[in-house]
């Protein structure tokens, strides 16, 4: 009889299982309608996150509080959420027409409403990925809040440490702290967090704003306070999902409104029968690539195009950006900011028949008799990519088919070889957790970028449930095994699923539709200090963004 081997799972397998467990658990809790994150119902979610130990959450499994991860999360959650015991995830249910002021997190486009001292409502209009994102972030901050509680609560009766009393005194002050008061408070906070004085001081200002310069202390205090109340007074924090959200989710309600609005505008401007090219990008790169050099050549004399693009990307460049936008609107651009659909995806439509090519950056454009129309849509979020593109590619009023000649996707992604600002050209998208895969013929090739001074990588990319759920072991497996994955992003397979069903099965767009995918690296999660929590790209992202955009436009405009 053969001796049984002692079979143990690798860290990559454990991580994959943890992600699958989180995915299933979050869907179960959503169907249930509510749960208590630090109670029995939240156990599985917490355990899976601690087993996964995502790179972005740094020291989540250690006793000391994770500061960079906390900053990353706080920037993506509404101001004041740390004070709320009740967090209610809702659909768009009319709060925008009430006296409640919308609170929009600095780094995530979602409308949130503070209902009272204890409740925050968060609007979910971008699909399931939005729910996975916010539940993962909330689980992380609640785990961190209990670390704070463990370090300051001295007994079950509620006696707290001297450091906590001093922090509470500093937070209760209504005025801005003086330098001396701030440093005293930082000293007490460092003891509470298990960090050094200088570590806390270095990140302190990043949490603050003009209105609330000492917000770091406020966040730490309220996280700890609610965790203490959970233990001492049994006041459990609760996350609920509104009945309307549970009813609407998955039915493309927001995507349908968004896509119908675009088609109505195309009809109004007599553009429905023209060749259409859909581009998923930001709201400046296509417009600037076509018009910026022409508009600003006198202001930036003898400067390169990329210098102009960098100037336009700077935070104080509103005046020059407005100048380019005004010129574009006079030459065929229709701007459609999303105000009603709830998708938070703005759109620009470019009627190339109205572009004076001699006054553009593409004087050699060959667009033929039926001048194409460009539909540029802002970035979707995760599964929202399927909802929006699926609806956009459907016929108008059931019988008018769109002549979509190409769909181009330009976005940010994590890279698994190389560094920030490098370019990735995918040959396939693999769905994390299921290994569903979507192979396609990419019209963009690595050779097209070989003379541009930026490293380019080609190969499969993995579409992940959320950027906050990645760890090195799983990513190393994807990269080093025969999958040969070069990077990770959140939308690729959803876009391709919608394009394939529209072109190959439903026949609502031409079967020979061309697809283009290219990403520039926003981070390298395999490198410590290069994850998304390490900060933005700054101007590093400008050159790859515009290089990719220009290559897409050259193909659409038939420039060899």
Protein backbone atom coordinates (compact mmCIF):
# COMPACT_ATOMS: atom_id res chain seq x y z
CA UNK A 1 0.00 0.00 0.00
CA UNK A 2 1.39 3.37 -1.00
CA UNK A 3 2.23 5.77 1.79
CA UNK A 4 0.05 8.86 1.68
CA UNK A 5 2.00 12.07 1.21
CA UNK A 6 1.50 14.90 3.64
CA UNK A 7 -0.30 17.31 1.32
CA UNK A 8 -0.03 20.97 2.27
CA UNK A 9 -1.23 24.03 0.39
CA UNK A 10 1.14 26.68 -0.89
CA UNK A 11 0.65 30.32 0.12
CA UNK A 12 -0.63 31.02 -3.41
CA UNK A 13 -3.29 28.31 -3.03
CA UNK A 14 -4.26 29.60 0.42
CA UNK A 15 -4.52 33.12 -0.98
CA UNK A 16 -6.66 31.98 -3.90
CA UNK A 17 -8.97 30.13 -1.50
CA UNK A 18 -9.17 33.23 0.74
CA UNK A 19 -10.22 35.44 -2.20
CA UNK A 20 -12.86 32.90 -3.25
CA UNK A 21 -14.13 32.71 0.35
CA UNK A 22 -14.36 36.53 0.56
CA UNK A 23 -16.21 36.69 -2.76
CA UNK A 24 -18.77 34.06 -1.71
CA UNK A 25 -19.15 35.54 1.78
CA UNK A 26 -19.76 39.07 0.51
CA UNK A 27 -22.46 37.84 -1.87
CA UNK A 28 -24.07 35.85 0.95
CA UNK A 29 -24.07 38.85 3.31
CA UNK A 30 -25.54 41.03 0.55
CA UNK A 31 -28.37 38.55 -0.02
CA UNK A 32 -28.95 38.37 3.73
CA UNK A 33 -29.36 42.15 3.89
CA UNK A 34 -27.19 43.08 6.90
CA UNK A 35 -24.29 41.92 9.06
CA UNK A 36 -22.12 42.97 12.00
CA UNK A 37 -18.51 43.19 10.77
CA UNK A 38 -16.92 42.49 14.17
CA UNK A 39 -19.61 39.99 15.22
CA UNK A 40 -20.10 36.33 14.33
CA UNK A 41 -21.51 37.22 10.89
CA UNK A 42 -18.31 39.08 9.98
CA UNK A 43 -15.95 36.31 11.17
CA UNK A 44 -15.47 34.67 7.77
CA UNK A 45 -14.72 37.97 6.05
CA UNK A 46 -12.18 38.98 8.71
CA UNK A 47 -10.52 35.56 8.76
CA UNK A 48 -10.24 35.47 4.97
CA UNK A 49 -8.73 38.97 4.83
CA UNK A 50 -6.20 38.08 7.56
CA UNK A 51 -5.35 34.84 5.75
CA UNK A 52 -4.89 36.74 2.48
CA UNK A 53 -2.84 39.59 3.98
CA UNK A 54 -3.10 41.85 0.88
CA UNK A 55 -0.02 43.93 0.06
CA UNK A 56 -1.98 47.18 0.14
CA UNK A 57 -2.99 46.55 3.76
CA UNK A 58 0.62 46.08 4.88
CA UNK A 59 0.79 45.03 8.54
CA UNK A 60 -2.85 43.92 8.85
CA UNK A 61 -1.84 40.63 10.51
CA UNK A 62 0.48 42.28 13.06
CA UNK A 63 -0.35 44.00 16.34
CA UNK A 64 0.79 47.46 15.24
CA UNK A 65 -1.65 49.59 13.28
CA UNK A 66 -1.05 49.83 9.51
CA UNK A 67 -0.68 53.52 8.57
CA UNK A 68 -0.16 53.58 4.77
CA UNK A 69 -3.01 51.13 4.22
CA UNK A 70 -5.23 53.19 6.51
CA UNK A 71 -4.50 56.34 4.51
CA UNK A 72 -5.24 54.52 1.22
CA UNK A 73 -8.61 53.34 2.57
CA UNK A 74 -9.62 56.61 4.27
CA UNK A 75 -9.11 58.47 0.96
CA UNK A 76 -11.65 56.10 -0.64
CA UNK A 77 -14.29 56.34 2.09
CA UNK A 78 -16.48 59.35 2.94
CA UNK A 79 -15.26 61.85 5.54
CA UNK A 80 -16.87 61.03 8.88
CA UNK A 81 -17.45 57.32 8.26
CA UNK A 82 -15.13 56.50 11.17
CA UNK A 83 -17.73 58.07 13.52
CA UNK A 84 -20.65 55.97 12.24
CA UNK A 85 -21.92 52.77 13.81
CA UNK A 86 -24.45 52.19 11.03
CA UNK A 87 -23.32 52.07 7.40
CA UNK A 88 -26.15 51.63 4.91
CA UNK A 89 -25.31 50.74 1.30
CA UNK A 90 -28.08 52.03 -0.98
CA UNK A 91 -28.94 52.42 -4.64
CA UNK A 92 -29.62 55.91 -6.05
CA UNK A 93 -32.77 56.49 -3.99
CA UNK A 94 -33.27 60.24 -4.30
CA UNK A 95 -31.00 61.62 -1.59
CA UNK A 96 -29.56 64.08 -4.12
CA UNK A 97 -32.95 65.84 -4.07
CA UNK A 98 -32.95 66.21 -0.28
CA UNK A 99 -31.29 68.61 2.17
CA UNK A 100 -28.47 66.06 2.69
CA UNK A 101 -25.15 67.22 1.25
CA UNK A 102 -23.34 64.64 -0.89
CA UNK A 103 -19.95 63.62 0.51
CA UNK A 104 -17.64 62.36 -2.25
CA UNK A 105 -14.42 60.59 -1.15
CA UNK A 106 -11.29 62.22 -2.63
CA UNK A 107 -10.13 59.06 -4.45
CA UNK A 108 -13.38 57.25 -5.29
CA UNK A 109 -16.40 58.61 -7.15
CA UNK A 110 -19.39 57.65 -5.05
CA UNK A 111 -22.05 59.83 -3.40
CA UNK A 112 -22.38 59.38 0.36
CA UNK A 113 -24.81 61.02 2.79
CA UNK A 114 -24.44 61.54 6.54
CA UNK A 115 -27.99 60.83 7.79
CA UNK A 116 -27.33 61.55 11.46
CA UNK A 117 -24.56 61.26 14.07
CA UNK A 118 -24.50 57.46 13.80
CA UNK A 119 -25.42 56.65 10.19
CA UNK A 120 -23.68 57.03 6.83
CA UNK A 121 -25.44 56.09 3.59
CA UNK A 122 -23.19 55.09 0.68
CA UNK A 123 -24.68 55.02 -2.83
CA UNK A 124 -23.70 51.96 -4.87
CA UNK A 125 -24.39 52.65 -8.55
CA UNK A 126 -21.34 51.01 -10.14
CA UNK A 127 -22.17 47.35 -9.66
CA UNK A 128 -20.92 44.54 -7.45
CA UNK A 129 -17.26 45.59 -7.66
CA UNK A 130 -18.20 48.72 -5.74
CA UNK A 131 -19.64 46.55 -2.95
CA UNK A 132 -16.57 44.26 -2.84
CA UNK A 133 -14.37 47.36 -2.71
CA UNK A 134 -16.16 49.09 0.15
CA UNK A 135 -16.75 45.94 2.23
CA UNK A 136 -13.07 45.01 1.99
CA UNK A 137 -12.02 48.52 3.05
CA UNK A 138 -14.50 48.57 5.94
CA UNK A 139 -13.34 45.13 7.13
CA UNK A 140 -9.77 46.44 7.14
CA UNK A 141 -10.51 49.59 9.15
CA UNK A 142 -12.61 47.65 11.66
CA UNK A 143 -9.75 45.16 12.18
CA UNK A 144 -7.41 48.12 12.74
CA UNK A 145 -9.90 49.73 15.14
CA UNK A 146 -9.80 46.64 17.35
CA UNK A 147 -6.00 46.79 17.39
CA UNK A 148 -6.36 50.31 18.83
CA UNK A 149 -8.93 49.05 21.35
CA UNK A 150 -6.63 46.21 22.43
CA UNK A 151 -3.83 48.66 23.21
CA UNK A 152 -5.87 51.20 25.21
CA UNK A 153 -8.60 49.24 27.00
CA UNK A 154 -7.23 48.09 30.35
CA UNK A 155 -10.19 46.06 31.64
CA UNK A 156 -13.74 44.95 30.81
CA UNK A 157 -15.21 47.82 32.84
CA UNK A 158 -13.94 50.36 30.33
CA UNK A 159 -10.85 51.78 32.05
CA UNK A 160 -8.49 53.20 29.43
CA UNK A 161 -4.79 54.07 29.29
CA UNK A 162 -3.33 57.51 29.95
CA UNK A 163 -2.30 57.78 26.27
CA UNK A 164 -5.95 57.37 25.26
CA UNK A 165 -7.09 60.04 27.73
CA UNK A 166 -4.52 62.48 26.33
CA UNK A 167 -5.55 61.68 22.73
CA UNK A 168 -9.20 62.25 23.65
CA UNK A 169 -8.30 65.66 25.16
CA UNK A 170 -6.46 66.67 21.96
CA UNK A 171 -9.34 65.57 19.69
CA UNK A 172 -11.95 67.40 21.80
CA UNK A 173 -10.27 70.75 21.06
CA UNK A 174 -12.20 72.70 18.44
CA UNK A 175 -9.26 74.82 17.27
CA UNK A 176 -6.22 73.81 15.23
CA UNK A 177 -3.49 72.35 17.43
CA UNK A 178 -0.28 74.31 17.90
CA UNK A 179 2.97 72.62 16.88
CA UNK A 180 3.69 71.71 20.53
CA UNK A 181 0.16 70.35 21.12
CA UNK A 182 0.33 68.40 17.86
CA UNK A 183 3.66 66.77 18.77
CA UNK A 184 2.41 65.85 22.23
CA UNK A 185 -0.70 64.25 20.69
CA UNK A 186 1.44 62.43 18.09
CA UNK A 187 3.60 61.02 20.91
CA UNK A 188 0.52 59.55 22.63
CA UNK A 189 -0.91 58.33 19.31
CA UNK A 190 2.39 56.58 18.45
CA UNK A 191 2.20 54.60 21.70
CA UNK A 192 -1.40 53.64 20.95
CA UNK A 193 -0.59 52.57 17.39
CA UNK A 194 2.61 50.69 18.18
CA UNK A 195 4.54 52.97 15.77
CA UNK A 196 7.45 55.34 16.21
CA UNK A 197 6.93 59.07 16.72
CA UNK A 198 8.53 59.84 13.35
CA UNK A 199 6.39 57.27 11.46
CA UNK A 200 3.22 58.95 12.74
CA UNK A 201 4.56 62.46 12.12
CA UNK A 202 5.53 61.58 8.51
CA UNK A 203 1.99 60.49 7.56
CA UNK A 204 0.05 62.94 9.78
CA UNK A 205 -0.44 65.73 7.23
CA UNK A 206 -1.49 63.33 4.44
CA UNK A 207 -4.71 62.61 6.39
CA UNK A 208 -5.44 66.28 6.92
CA UNK A 209 -7.15 68.93 4.83
CA UNK A 210 -7.47 72.69 4.95
CA UNK A 211 -10.68 72.40 6.98
CA UNK A 212 -9.41 69.58 9.18
CA UNK A 213 -5.60 69.66 9.51
CA UNK A 214 -5.62 67.30 12.54
CA UNK A 215 -7.89 64.68 10.99
CA UNK A 216 -5.36 61.90 11.62
CA UNK A 217 -6.00 62.11 15.38
CA UNK A 218 -9.73 62.32 14.78
CA UNK A 219 -9.74 59.13 12.65
CA UNK A 220 -7.65 57.15 15.17
CA UNK A 221 -9.77 58.34 18.11
CA UNK A 222 -13.14 57.49 16.55
CA UNK A 223 -12.02 54.11 15.26
CA UNK A 224 -10.81 53.23 18.74
CA UNK A 225 -13.83 54.76 20.48
CA UNK A 226 -16.36 52.70 18.50
CA UNK A 227 -14.30 49.54 18.99
CA UNK A 228 -14.24 50.15 22.77
CA UNK A 229 -18.02 50.71 22.79
CA UNK A 230 -18.51 47.43 20.92
CA UNK A 231 -16.77 45.56 23.73
CA UNK A 232 -17.80 47.55 26.82
CA UNK A 233 -21.38 48.53 25.87
CA UNK A 234 -22.08 45.85 23.22
CA UNK A 235 -22.86 48.59 20.67
CA UNK A 236 -21.99 46.60 17.54
CA UNK A 237 -21.29 48.36 14.26
CA UNK A 238 -23.69 47.22 11.53
CA UNK A 239 -23.60 47.27 7.74
CA UNK A 240 -26.94 47.08 5.93
CA UNK A 241 -27.94 46.81 2.27
CA UNK A 242 -31.12 48.66 1.32
CA UNK A 243 -33.98 46.61 -0.18
CA UNK A 244 -33.89 48.77 -3.34
CA UNK A 245 -30.17 48.09 -3.84
CA UNK A 246 -30.71 44.35 -3.44
CA UNK A 247 -33.60 44.52 -5.92
CA UNK A 248 -31.78 46.58 -8.55
CA UNK A 249 -28.24 45.18 -8.48
CA UNK A 250 -27.28 43.18 -11.56
CA UNK A 251 -30.09 44.51 -13.76
CA UNK A 252 -28.05 47.17 -15.60
CA UNK A 253 -30.47 49.92 -14.56
CA UNK A 254 -27.78 52.64 -14.37
CA UNK A 255 -25.93 51.36 -17.46
CA UNK A 256 -29.10 51.36 -19.56
CA UNK A 257 -29.94 54.98 -18.65
CA UNK A 258 -26.32 55.98 -19.41
CA UNK A 259 -26.17 54.21 -22.79
CA UNK A 260 -29.62 55.41 -23.90
CA UNK A 261 -28.61 59.01 -23.20
CA UNK A 262 -25.52 58.63 -25.42
CA UNK A 263 -27.57 57.15 -28.28
CA UNK A 264 -30.18 59.94 -27.98
CA UNK A 265 -27.39 62.50 -28.41
CA UNK A 266 -26.00 60.58 -31.42
CA UNK A 267 -29.49 60.61 -32.99
CA UNK A 268 -29.99 64.31 -32.21
CA UNK A 269 -26.73 65.15 -34.05
CA UNK A 270 -27.46 62.67 -36.91
CA UNK A 271 -24.47 60.49 -36.05
CA UNK A 272 -26.16 57.09 -35.55
CA UNK A 273 -25.41 55.80 -39.06
CA UNK A 274 -21.72 56.73 -39.00
CA UNK A 275 -18.79 54.39 -38.17
CA UNK A 276 -18.32 54.46 -34.38
CA UNK A 277 -15.14 53.93 -32.37
CA UNK A 278 -15.57 53.48 -28.62
CA UNK A 279 -12.60 54.46 -26.43
CA UNK A 280 -12.44 53.89 -22.68
CA UNK A 281 -9.94 56.40 -21.35
CA UNK A 282 -9.85 59.54 -19.21
CA UNK A 283 -11.55 62.81 -20.09
CA UNK A 284 -8.48 64.63 -21.31
CA UNK A 285 -6.08 62.42 -23.29
CA UNK A 286 -8.10 62.07 -26.54
CA UNK A 287 -9.15 65.73 -26.56
CA UNK A 288 -5.61 66.95 -25.79
CA UNK A 289 -3.97 64.54 -28.25
CA UNK A 290 -6.07 65.97 -31.09
CA UNK A 291 -6.23 69.68 -30.20
CA UNK A 292 -3.82 70.75 -27.40
CA UNK A 293 -0.67 71.35 -29.45
CA UNK A 294 -2.57 73.51 -31.95
CA UNK A 295 -4.27 75.59 -29.24
CA UNK A 296 -1.22 76.07 -27.02
CA UNK A 297 1.66 76.23 -29.52
CA UNK A 298 2.10 79.99 -29.08
CA UNK A 299 2.04 79.74 -25.27
CA UNK A 300 4.56 76.87 -25.20
CA UNK A 301 6.78 77.85 -28.11
CA UNK A 302 9.47 75.30 -29.10
CA UNK A 303 8.22 72.84 -26.46
CA UNK A 304 7.49 69.18 -27.24
CA UNK A 305 3.96 67.77 -27.30
CA UNK A 306 4.69 65.76 -24.15
CA UNK A 307 5.83 68.90 -22.33
CA UNK A 308 2.44 70.47 -23.19
CA UNK A 309 0.60 67.35 -21.98
CA UNK A 310 2.50 67.48 -18.68
CA UNK A 311 1.61 71.15 -18.22
CA UNK A 312 -2.06 70.34 -18.84
CA UNK A 313 -1.92 67.55 -16.25
CA UNK A 314 -0.72 69.83 -13.44
CA UNK A 315 -3.21 70.64 -10.68
CA UNK A 316 -3.26 74.41 -11.28
CA UNK A 317 -3.70 74.25 -15.06
CA UNK A 318 -7.46 74.91 -15.16
CA UNK A 319 -7.13 77.94 -17.43
CA UNK A 320 -5.18 76.19 -20.21
CA UNK A 321 -7.34 73.06 -19.91
CA UNK A 322 -10.45 75.21 -20.37
CA UNK A 323 -8.89 76.81 -23.44
CA UNK A 324 -8.35 73.40 -25.11
CA UNK A 325 -11.84 72.24 -24.12
CA UNK A 326 -13.48 75.38 -25.57
CA UNK A 327 -11.60 74.90 -28.87
CA UNK A 328 -12.58 71.20 -29.00
CA UNK A 329 -16.26 72.06 -28.51
CA UNK A 330 -16.07 74.40 -31.51
CA UNK A 331 -14.55 71.59 -33.60
CA UNK A 332 -16.82 68.60 -33.11
CA UNK A 333 -16.60 67.64 -29.43
CA UNK A 334 -19.84 67.15 -27.48
CA UNK A 335 -19.36 66.90 -23.72
CA UNK A 336 -21.76 64.69 -21.73
CA UNK A 337 -20.99 64.89 -17.99
CA UNK A 338 -22.90 62.14 -16.18
CA UNK A 339 -25.54 63.85 -14.09
CA UNK A 340 -28.51 61.50 -14.07
CA UNK A 341 -27.59 57.85 -14.71
CA UNK A 342 -25.64 57.21 -11.51
CA UNK A 343 -22.76 55.49 -13.34
CA UNK A 344 -20.41 58.43 -12.67
CA UNK A 345 -18.97 57.88 -16.14
CA UNK A 346 -18.61 61.08 -18.15
CA UNK A 347 -18.56 60.89 -21.96
CA UNK A 348 -17.21 62.92 -24.87
CA UNK A 349 -18.42 62.45 -28.44
CA UNK A 350 -16.14 63.62 -31.28
CA UNK A 351 -17.66 64.21 -34.72
CA UNK A 352 -14.55 63.97 -36.91
CA UNK A 353 -16.39 65.65 -39.81
CA UNK A 354 -16.10 68.91 -37.87
CA UNK A 355 -12.38 68.62 -37.10
CA UNK A 356 -10.12 70.92 -39.13
CA UNK A 357 -7.36 68.35 -39.57
CA UNK A 358 -4.83 70.99 -40.63
CA UNK A 359 -5.32 72.57 -37.17
CA UNK A 360 -4.96 69.25 -35.34
CA UNK A 361 -2.12 66.97 -34.31
CA UNK A 362 -3.15 64.51 -37.06
CA UNK A 363 -2.89 66.48 -40.35
CA UNK A 364 -2.43 63.20 -42.29
CA UNK A 365 -5.67 61.60 -41.07
CA UNK A 366 -7.44 59.48 -43.72
CA UNK A 367 -10.96 59.05 -42.46
CA UNK A 368 -12.84 58.31 -45.72
CA UNK A 369 -16.22 59.54 -46.87
CA UNK A 370 -18.15 58.32 -43.84
CA UNK A 371 -16.25 60.25 -41.19
CA UNK A 372 -16.06 58.27 -37.95
CA UNK A 373 -17.49 59.24 -34.58
CA UNK A 374 -15.46 58.73 -31.40
CA UNK A 375 -17.27 57.93 -28.15
CA UNK A 376 -14.81 58.46 -25.30
CA UNK A 377 -16.02 57.15 -21.95
CA UNK A 378 -14.33 57.70 -18.61
CA UNK A 379 -13.01 54.71 -16.66
CA UNK A 380 -15.54 52.12 -15.50
CA UNK A 381 -15.09 50.33 -12.17
CA UNK A 382 -14.76 46.53 -12.18
CA UNK A 383 -17.94 44.71 -13.21
CA UNK A 384 -19.43 48.07 -14.20
CA UNK A 385 -17.38 47.73 -17.42
CA UNK A 386 -19.63 44.86 -18.54
CA UNK A 387 -22.83 46.73 -17.64
CA UNK A 388 -21.91 49.89 -19.53
CA UNK A 389 -20.35 48.40 -22.69
CA UNK A 390 -23.05 45.71 -22.91
CA UNK A 391 -25.74 48.40 -22.89
CA UNK A 392 -23.84 50.73 -25.22
CA UNK A 393 -23.41 48.03 -27.89
CA UNK A 394 -27.12 47.10 -27.93
CA UNK A 395 -29.25 48.44 -30.83
CA UNK A 396 -30.92 51.82 -30.43
CA UNK A 397 -34.67 51.29 -29.84
CA UNK A 398 -34.23 47.55 -30.62
CA UNK A 399 -33.83 47.89 -34.39
CA UNK A 400 -31.12 50.46 -35.21
CA UNK A 401 -27.78 48.63 -35.06
CA UNK A 402 -24.65 50.65 -34.29
CA UNK A 403 -21.77 50.37 -36.74
CA UNK A 404 -19.09 49.96 -34.06
CA UNK A 405 -15.80 49.45 -35.90
CA UNK A 406 -13.55 49.30 -32.85
CA UNK A 407 -13.45 49.30 -29.05
CA UNK A 408 -10.25 50.57 -27.43
CA UNK A 409 -9.42 50.31 -23.74
CA UNK A 410 -6.66 52.40 -22.19
CA UNK A 411 -6.22 52.22 -18.45
CA UNK A 412 -4.04 51.91 -15.37
CA UNK A 413 -2.96 48.51 -14.09
CA UNK A 414 -0.56 46.83 -11.70
CA UNK A 415 2.53 45.39 -13.38
CA UNK A 416 4.33 42.19 -12.34
CA UNK A 417 7.62 42.92 -14.11
CA UNK A 418 9.00 46.39 -14.63
CA UNK A 419 7.89 49.50 -12.76
CA UNK A 420 5.57 52.49 -12.59
CA UNK A 421 4.89 54.12 -15.96
CA UNK A 422 5.77 51.04 -18.07
CA UNK A 423 3.29 49.86 -20.74
CA UNK A 424 1.44 46.52 -20.90
CA UNK A 425 -0.15 45.11 -24.06
CA UNK A 426 -2.42 42.16 -23.16
CA UNK A 427 -3.02 39.15 -25.40
CA UNK A 428 -5.77 37.70 -23.15
CA UNK A 429 -7.67 38.42 -19.95
CA UNK A 430 -7.99 35.79 -17.22
CA UNK A 431 -10.66 36.10 -14.53
CA UNK A 432 -9.12 35.66 -11.09
CA UNK A 433 -10.70 32.89 -9.04
CA UNK A 434 -12.46 31.17 -11.95
CA UNK A 435 -9.73 30.93 -14.63
CA UNK A 436 -12.38 31.97 -17.19
CA UNK A 437 -10.27 33.38 -19.99
CA UNK A 438 -10.83 35.67 -22.96
CA UNK A 439 -8.32 35.48 -25.80
CA UNK A 440 -8.46 38.20 -28.46
CA UNK A 441 -6.47 39.63 -31.34
CA UNK A 442 -5.13 42.92 -30.01
CA UNK A 443 -4.64 45.56 -32.73
CA UNK A 444 -1.98 47.19 -30.57
CA UNK A 445 1.45 45.52 -30.56
CA UNK A 446 4.52 46.02 -28.41
CA UNK A 447 6.65 46.86 -31.48
CA UNK A 448 4.61 50.04 -31.98
CA UNK A 449 6.20 51.48 -28.83
CA UNK A 450 9.78 50.24 -29.29
CA UNK A 451 11.26 53.66 -30.17
CA UNK A 452 9.44 55.64 -27.47
CA UNK A 453 11.81 55.08 -24.54
CA UNK A 454 9.33 53.24 -22.30
CA UNK A 455 9.60 49.50 -21.48
CA UNK A 456 6.72 47.50 -23.00
CA UNK A 457 5.51 44.05 -21.91
CA UNK A 458 3.17 41.73 -23.82
CA UNK A 459 1.19 38.75 -22.49
CA UNK A 460 -1.93 37.71 -20.58
CA UNK A 461 -3.35 39.91 -17.82
CA UNK A 462 -5.50 38.89 -14.87
CA UNK A 463 -8.78 40.69 -14.07
CA UNK A 464 -9.01 40.83 -10.28
CA UNK A 465 -11.97 41.27 -7.92
CA UNK A 466 -10.33 44.32 -6.38
CA UNK A 467 -6.90 45.92 -6.23
CA UNK A 468 -7.06 45.71 -2.45
CA UNK A 469 -7.22 41.89 -2.47
CA UNK A 470 -3.81 41.10 -3.97
CA UNK A 471 -0.83 39.50 -2.26
CA UNK A 472 2.64 38.62 -3.48
CA UNK A 473 2.27 34.83 -3.31
CA UNK A 474 -0.75 34.70 -5.60
CA UNK A 475 0.68 37.27 -8.02
CA UNK A 476 4.02 35.43 -8.17
CA UNK A 477 2.14 32.25 -9.08
CA UNK A 478 0.28 33.99 -11.92
CA UNK A 479 3.51 35.59 -13.15
CA UNK A 480 5.95 32.69 -12.81
CA UNK A 481 3.70 29.75 -13.78
CA UNK A 482 2.68 28.88 -17.35
CA UNK A 483 -0.10 31.51 -17.13
CA UNK A 484 2.73 34.03 -17.72
CA UNK A 485 0.65 36.96 -16.48
CA UNK A 486 2.29 40.39 -16.95
CA UNK A 487 -0.14 42.52 -14.94
CA UNK A 488 -3.44 42.88 -13.12
CA UNK A 489 -6.42 45.17 -13.61
CA UNK A 490 -10.14 45.19 -12.80
CA UNK A 491 -12.14 45.62 -16.04
CA UNK A 492 -10.52 43.83 -19.02
CA UNK A 493 -12.41 40.53 -19.00
CA UNK A 494 -15.73 42.36 -18.42
CA UNK A 495 -15.16 44.59 -21.45
CA UNK A 496 -14.18 41.60 -23.60
CA UNK A 497 -17.17 39.51 -22.43
CA UNK A 498 -19.53 42.31 -23.54
CA UNK A 499 -17.73 42.84 -26.87
CA UNK A 500 -17.72 39.11 -27.69
CA UNK A 501 -21.40 38.62 -26.88
CA UNK A 502 -22.40 41.71 -28.92
CA UNK A 503 -20.29 40.81 -31.97
CA UNK A 504 -20.23 36.99 -32.04
CA UNK A 505 -23.56 35.95 -30.49
CA UNK A 506 -26.11 38.77 -30.48
CA UNK A 507 -24.79 40.27 -33.76
CA UNK A 508 -25.71 43.79 -32.64
CA UNK A 509 -22.34 45.13 -33.84
CA UNK A 510 -20.11 43.94 -36.74
CA UNK A 511 -18.45 40.55 -36.17
CA UNK A 512 -15.08 41.90 -37.30
CA UNK A 513 -15.00 44.67 -34.66
CA UNK A 514 -11.41 45.55 -33.80
CA UNK A 515 -10.26 45.59 -30.18
CA UNK A 516 -7.33 47.43 -28.65
CA UNK A 517 -6.14 47.07 -25.07
CA UNK A 518 -3.17 48.83 -23.48
CA UNK A 519 -2.37 49.74 -19.88
CA UNK A 520 0.26 51.79 -18.14
CA UNK A 521 1.61 50.67 -14.79
CA UNK A 522 0.35 52.55 -11.75
CA UNK A 523 2.15 50.24 -9.31
CA UNK A 524 4.09 47.02 -8.91
CA UNK A 525 2.46 44.99 -6.12
CA UNK A 526 5.41 42.55 -6.13
CA UNK A 527 7.77 45.33 -5.02
CA UNK A 528 7.61 46.51 -1.42
CA UNK A 529 7.08 50.27 -1.45
CA UNK A 530 5.62 50.27 -4.97
CA UNK A 531 2.02 49.25 -4.23
CA UNK A 532 -0.91 51.60 -4.76
CA UNK A 533 -0.59 52.65 -1.11
CA UNK A 534 2.79 54.22 -1.95
CA UNK A 535 1.07 57.11 -3.75
CA UNK A 536 0.18 58.22 -7.24
CA UNK A 537 2.17 58.33 -10.46
CA UNK A 538 2.54 62.11 -10.64
CA UNK A 539 3.83 63.14 -14.07
CA UNK A 540 5.29 59.64 -14.65
CA UNK A 541 1.92 58.57 -16.04
CA UNK A 542 1.63 61.39 -18.58
CA UNK A 543 3.92 60.01 -21.30
CA UNK A 544 2.53 56.43 -21.38
CA UNK A 545 -1.07 57.74 -21.21
CA UNK A 546 -0.59 59.93 -24.27
CA UNK A 547 1.58 57.43 -26.14
CA UNK A 548 -1.18 54.81 -25.88
CA UNK A 549 -3.87 57.34 -26.81
CA UNK A 550 -1.92 58.54 -29.87
CA UNK A 551 -1.33 54.95 -31.11
CA UNK A 552 -5.08 54.25 -30.78
CA UNK A 553 -5.97 57.44 -32.68
CA UNK A 554 -3.38 56.76 -35.41
CA UNK A 555 -5.06 53.42 -36.11
CA UNK A 556 -8.56 54.94 -36.14
CA UNK A 557 -7.38 57.79 -38.41
CA UNK A 558 -5.46 55.32 -40.67
CA UNK A 559 -2.09 56.98 -40.21
CA UNK A 560 0.75 54.59 -41.06
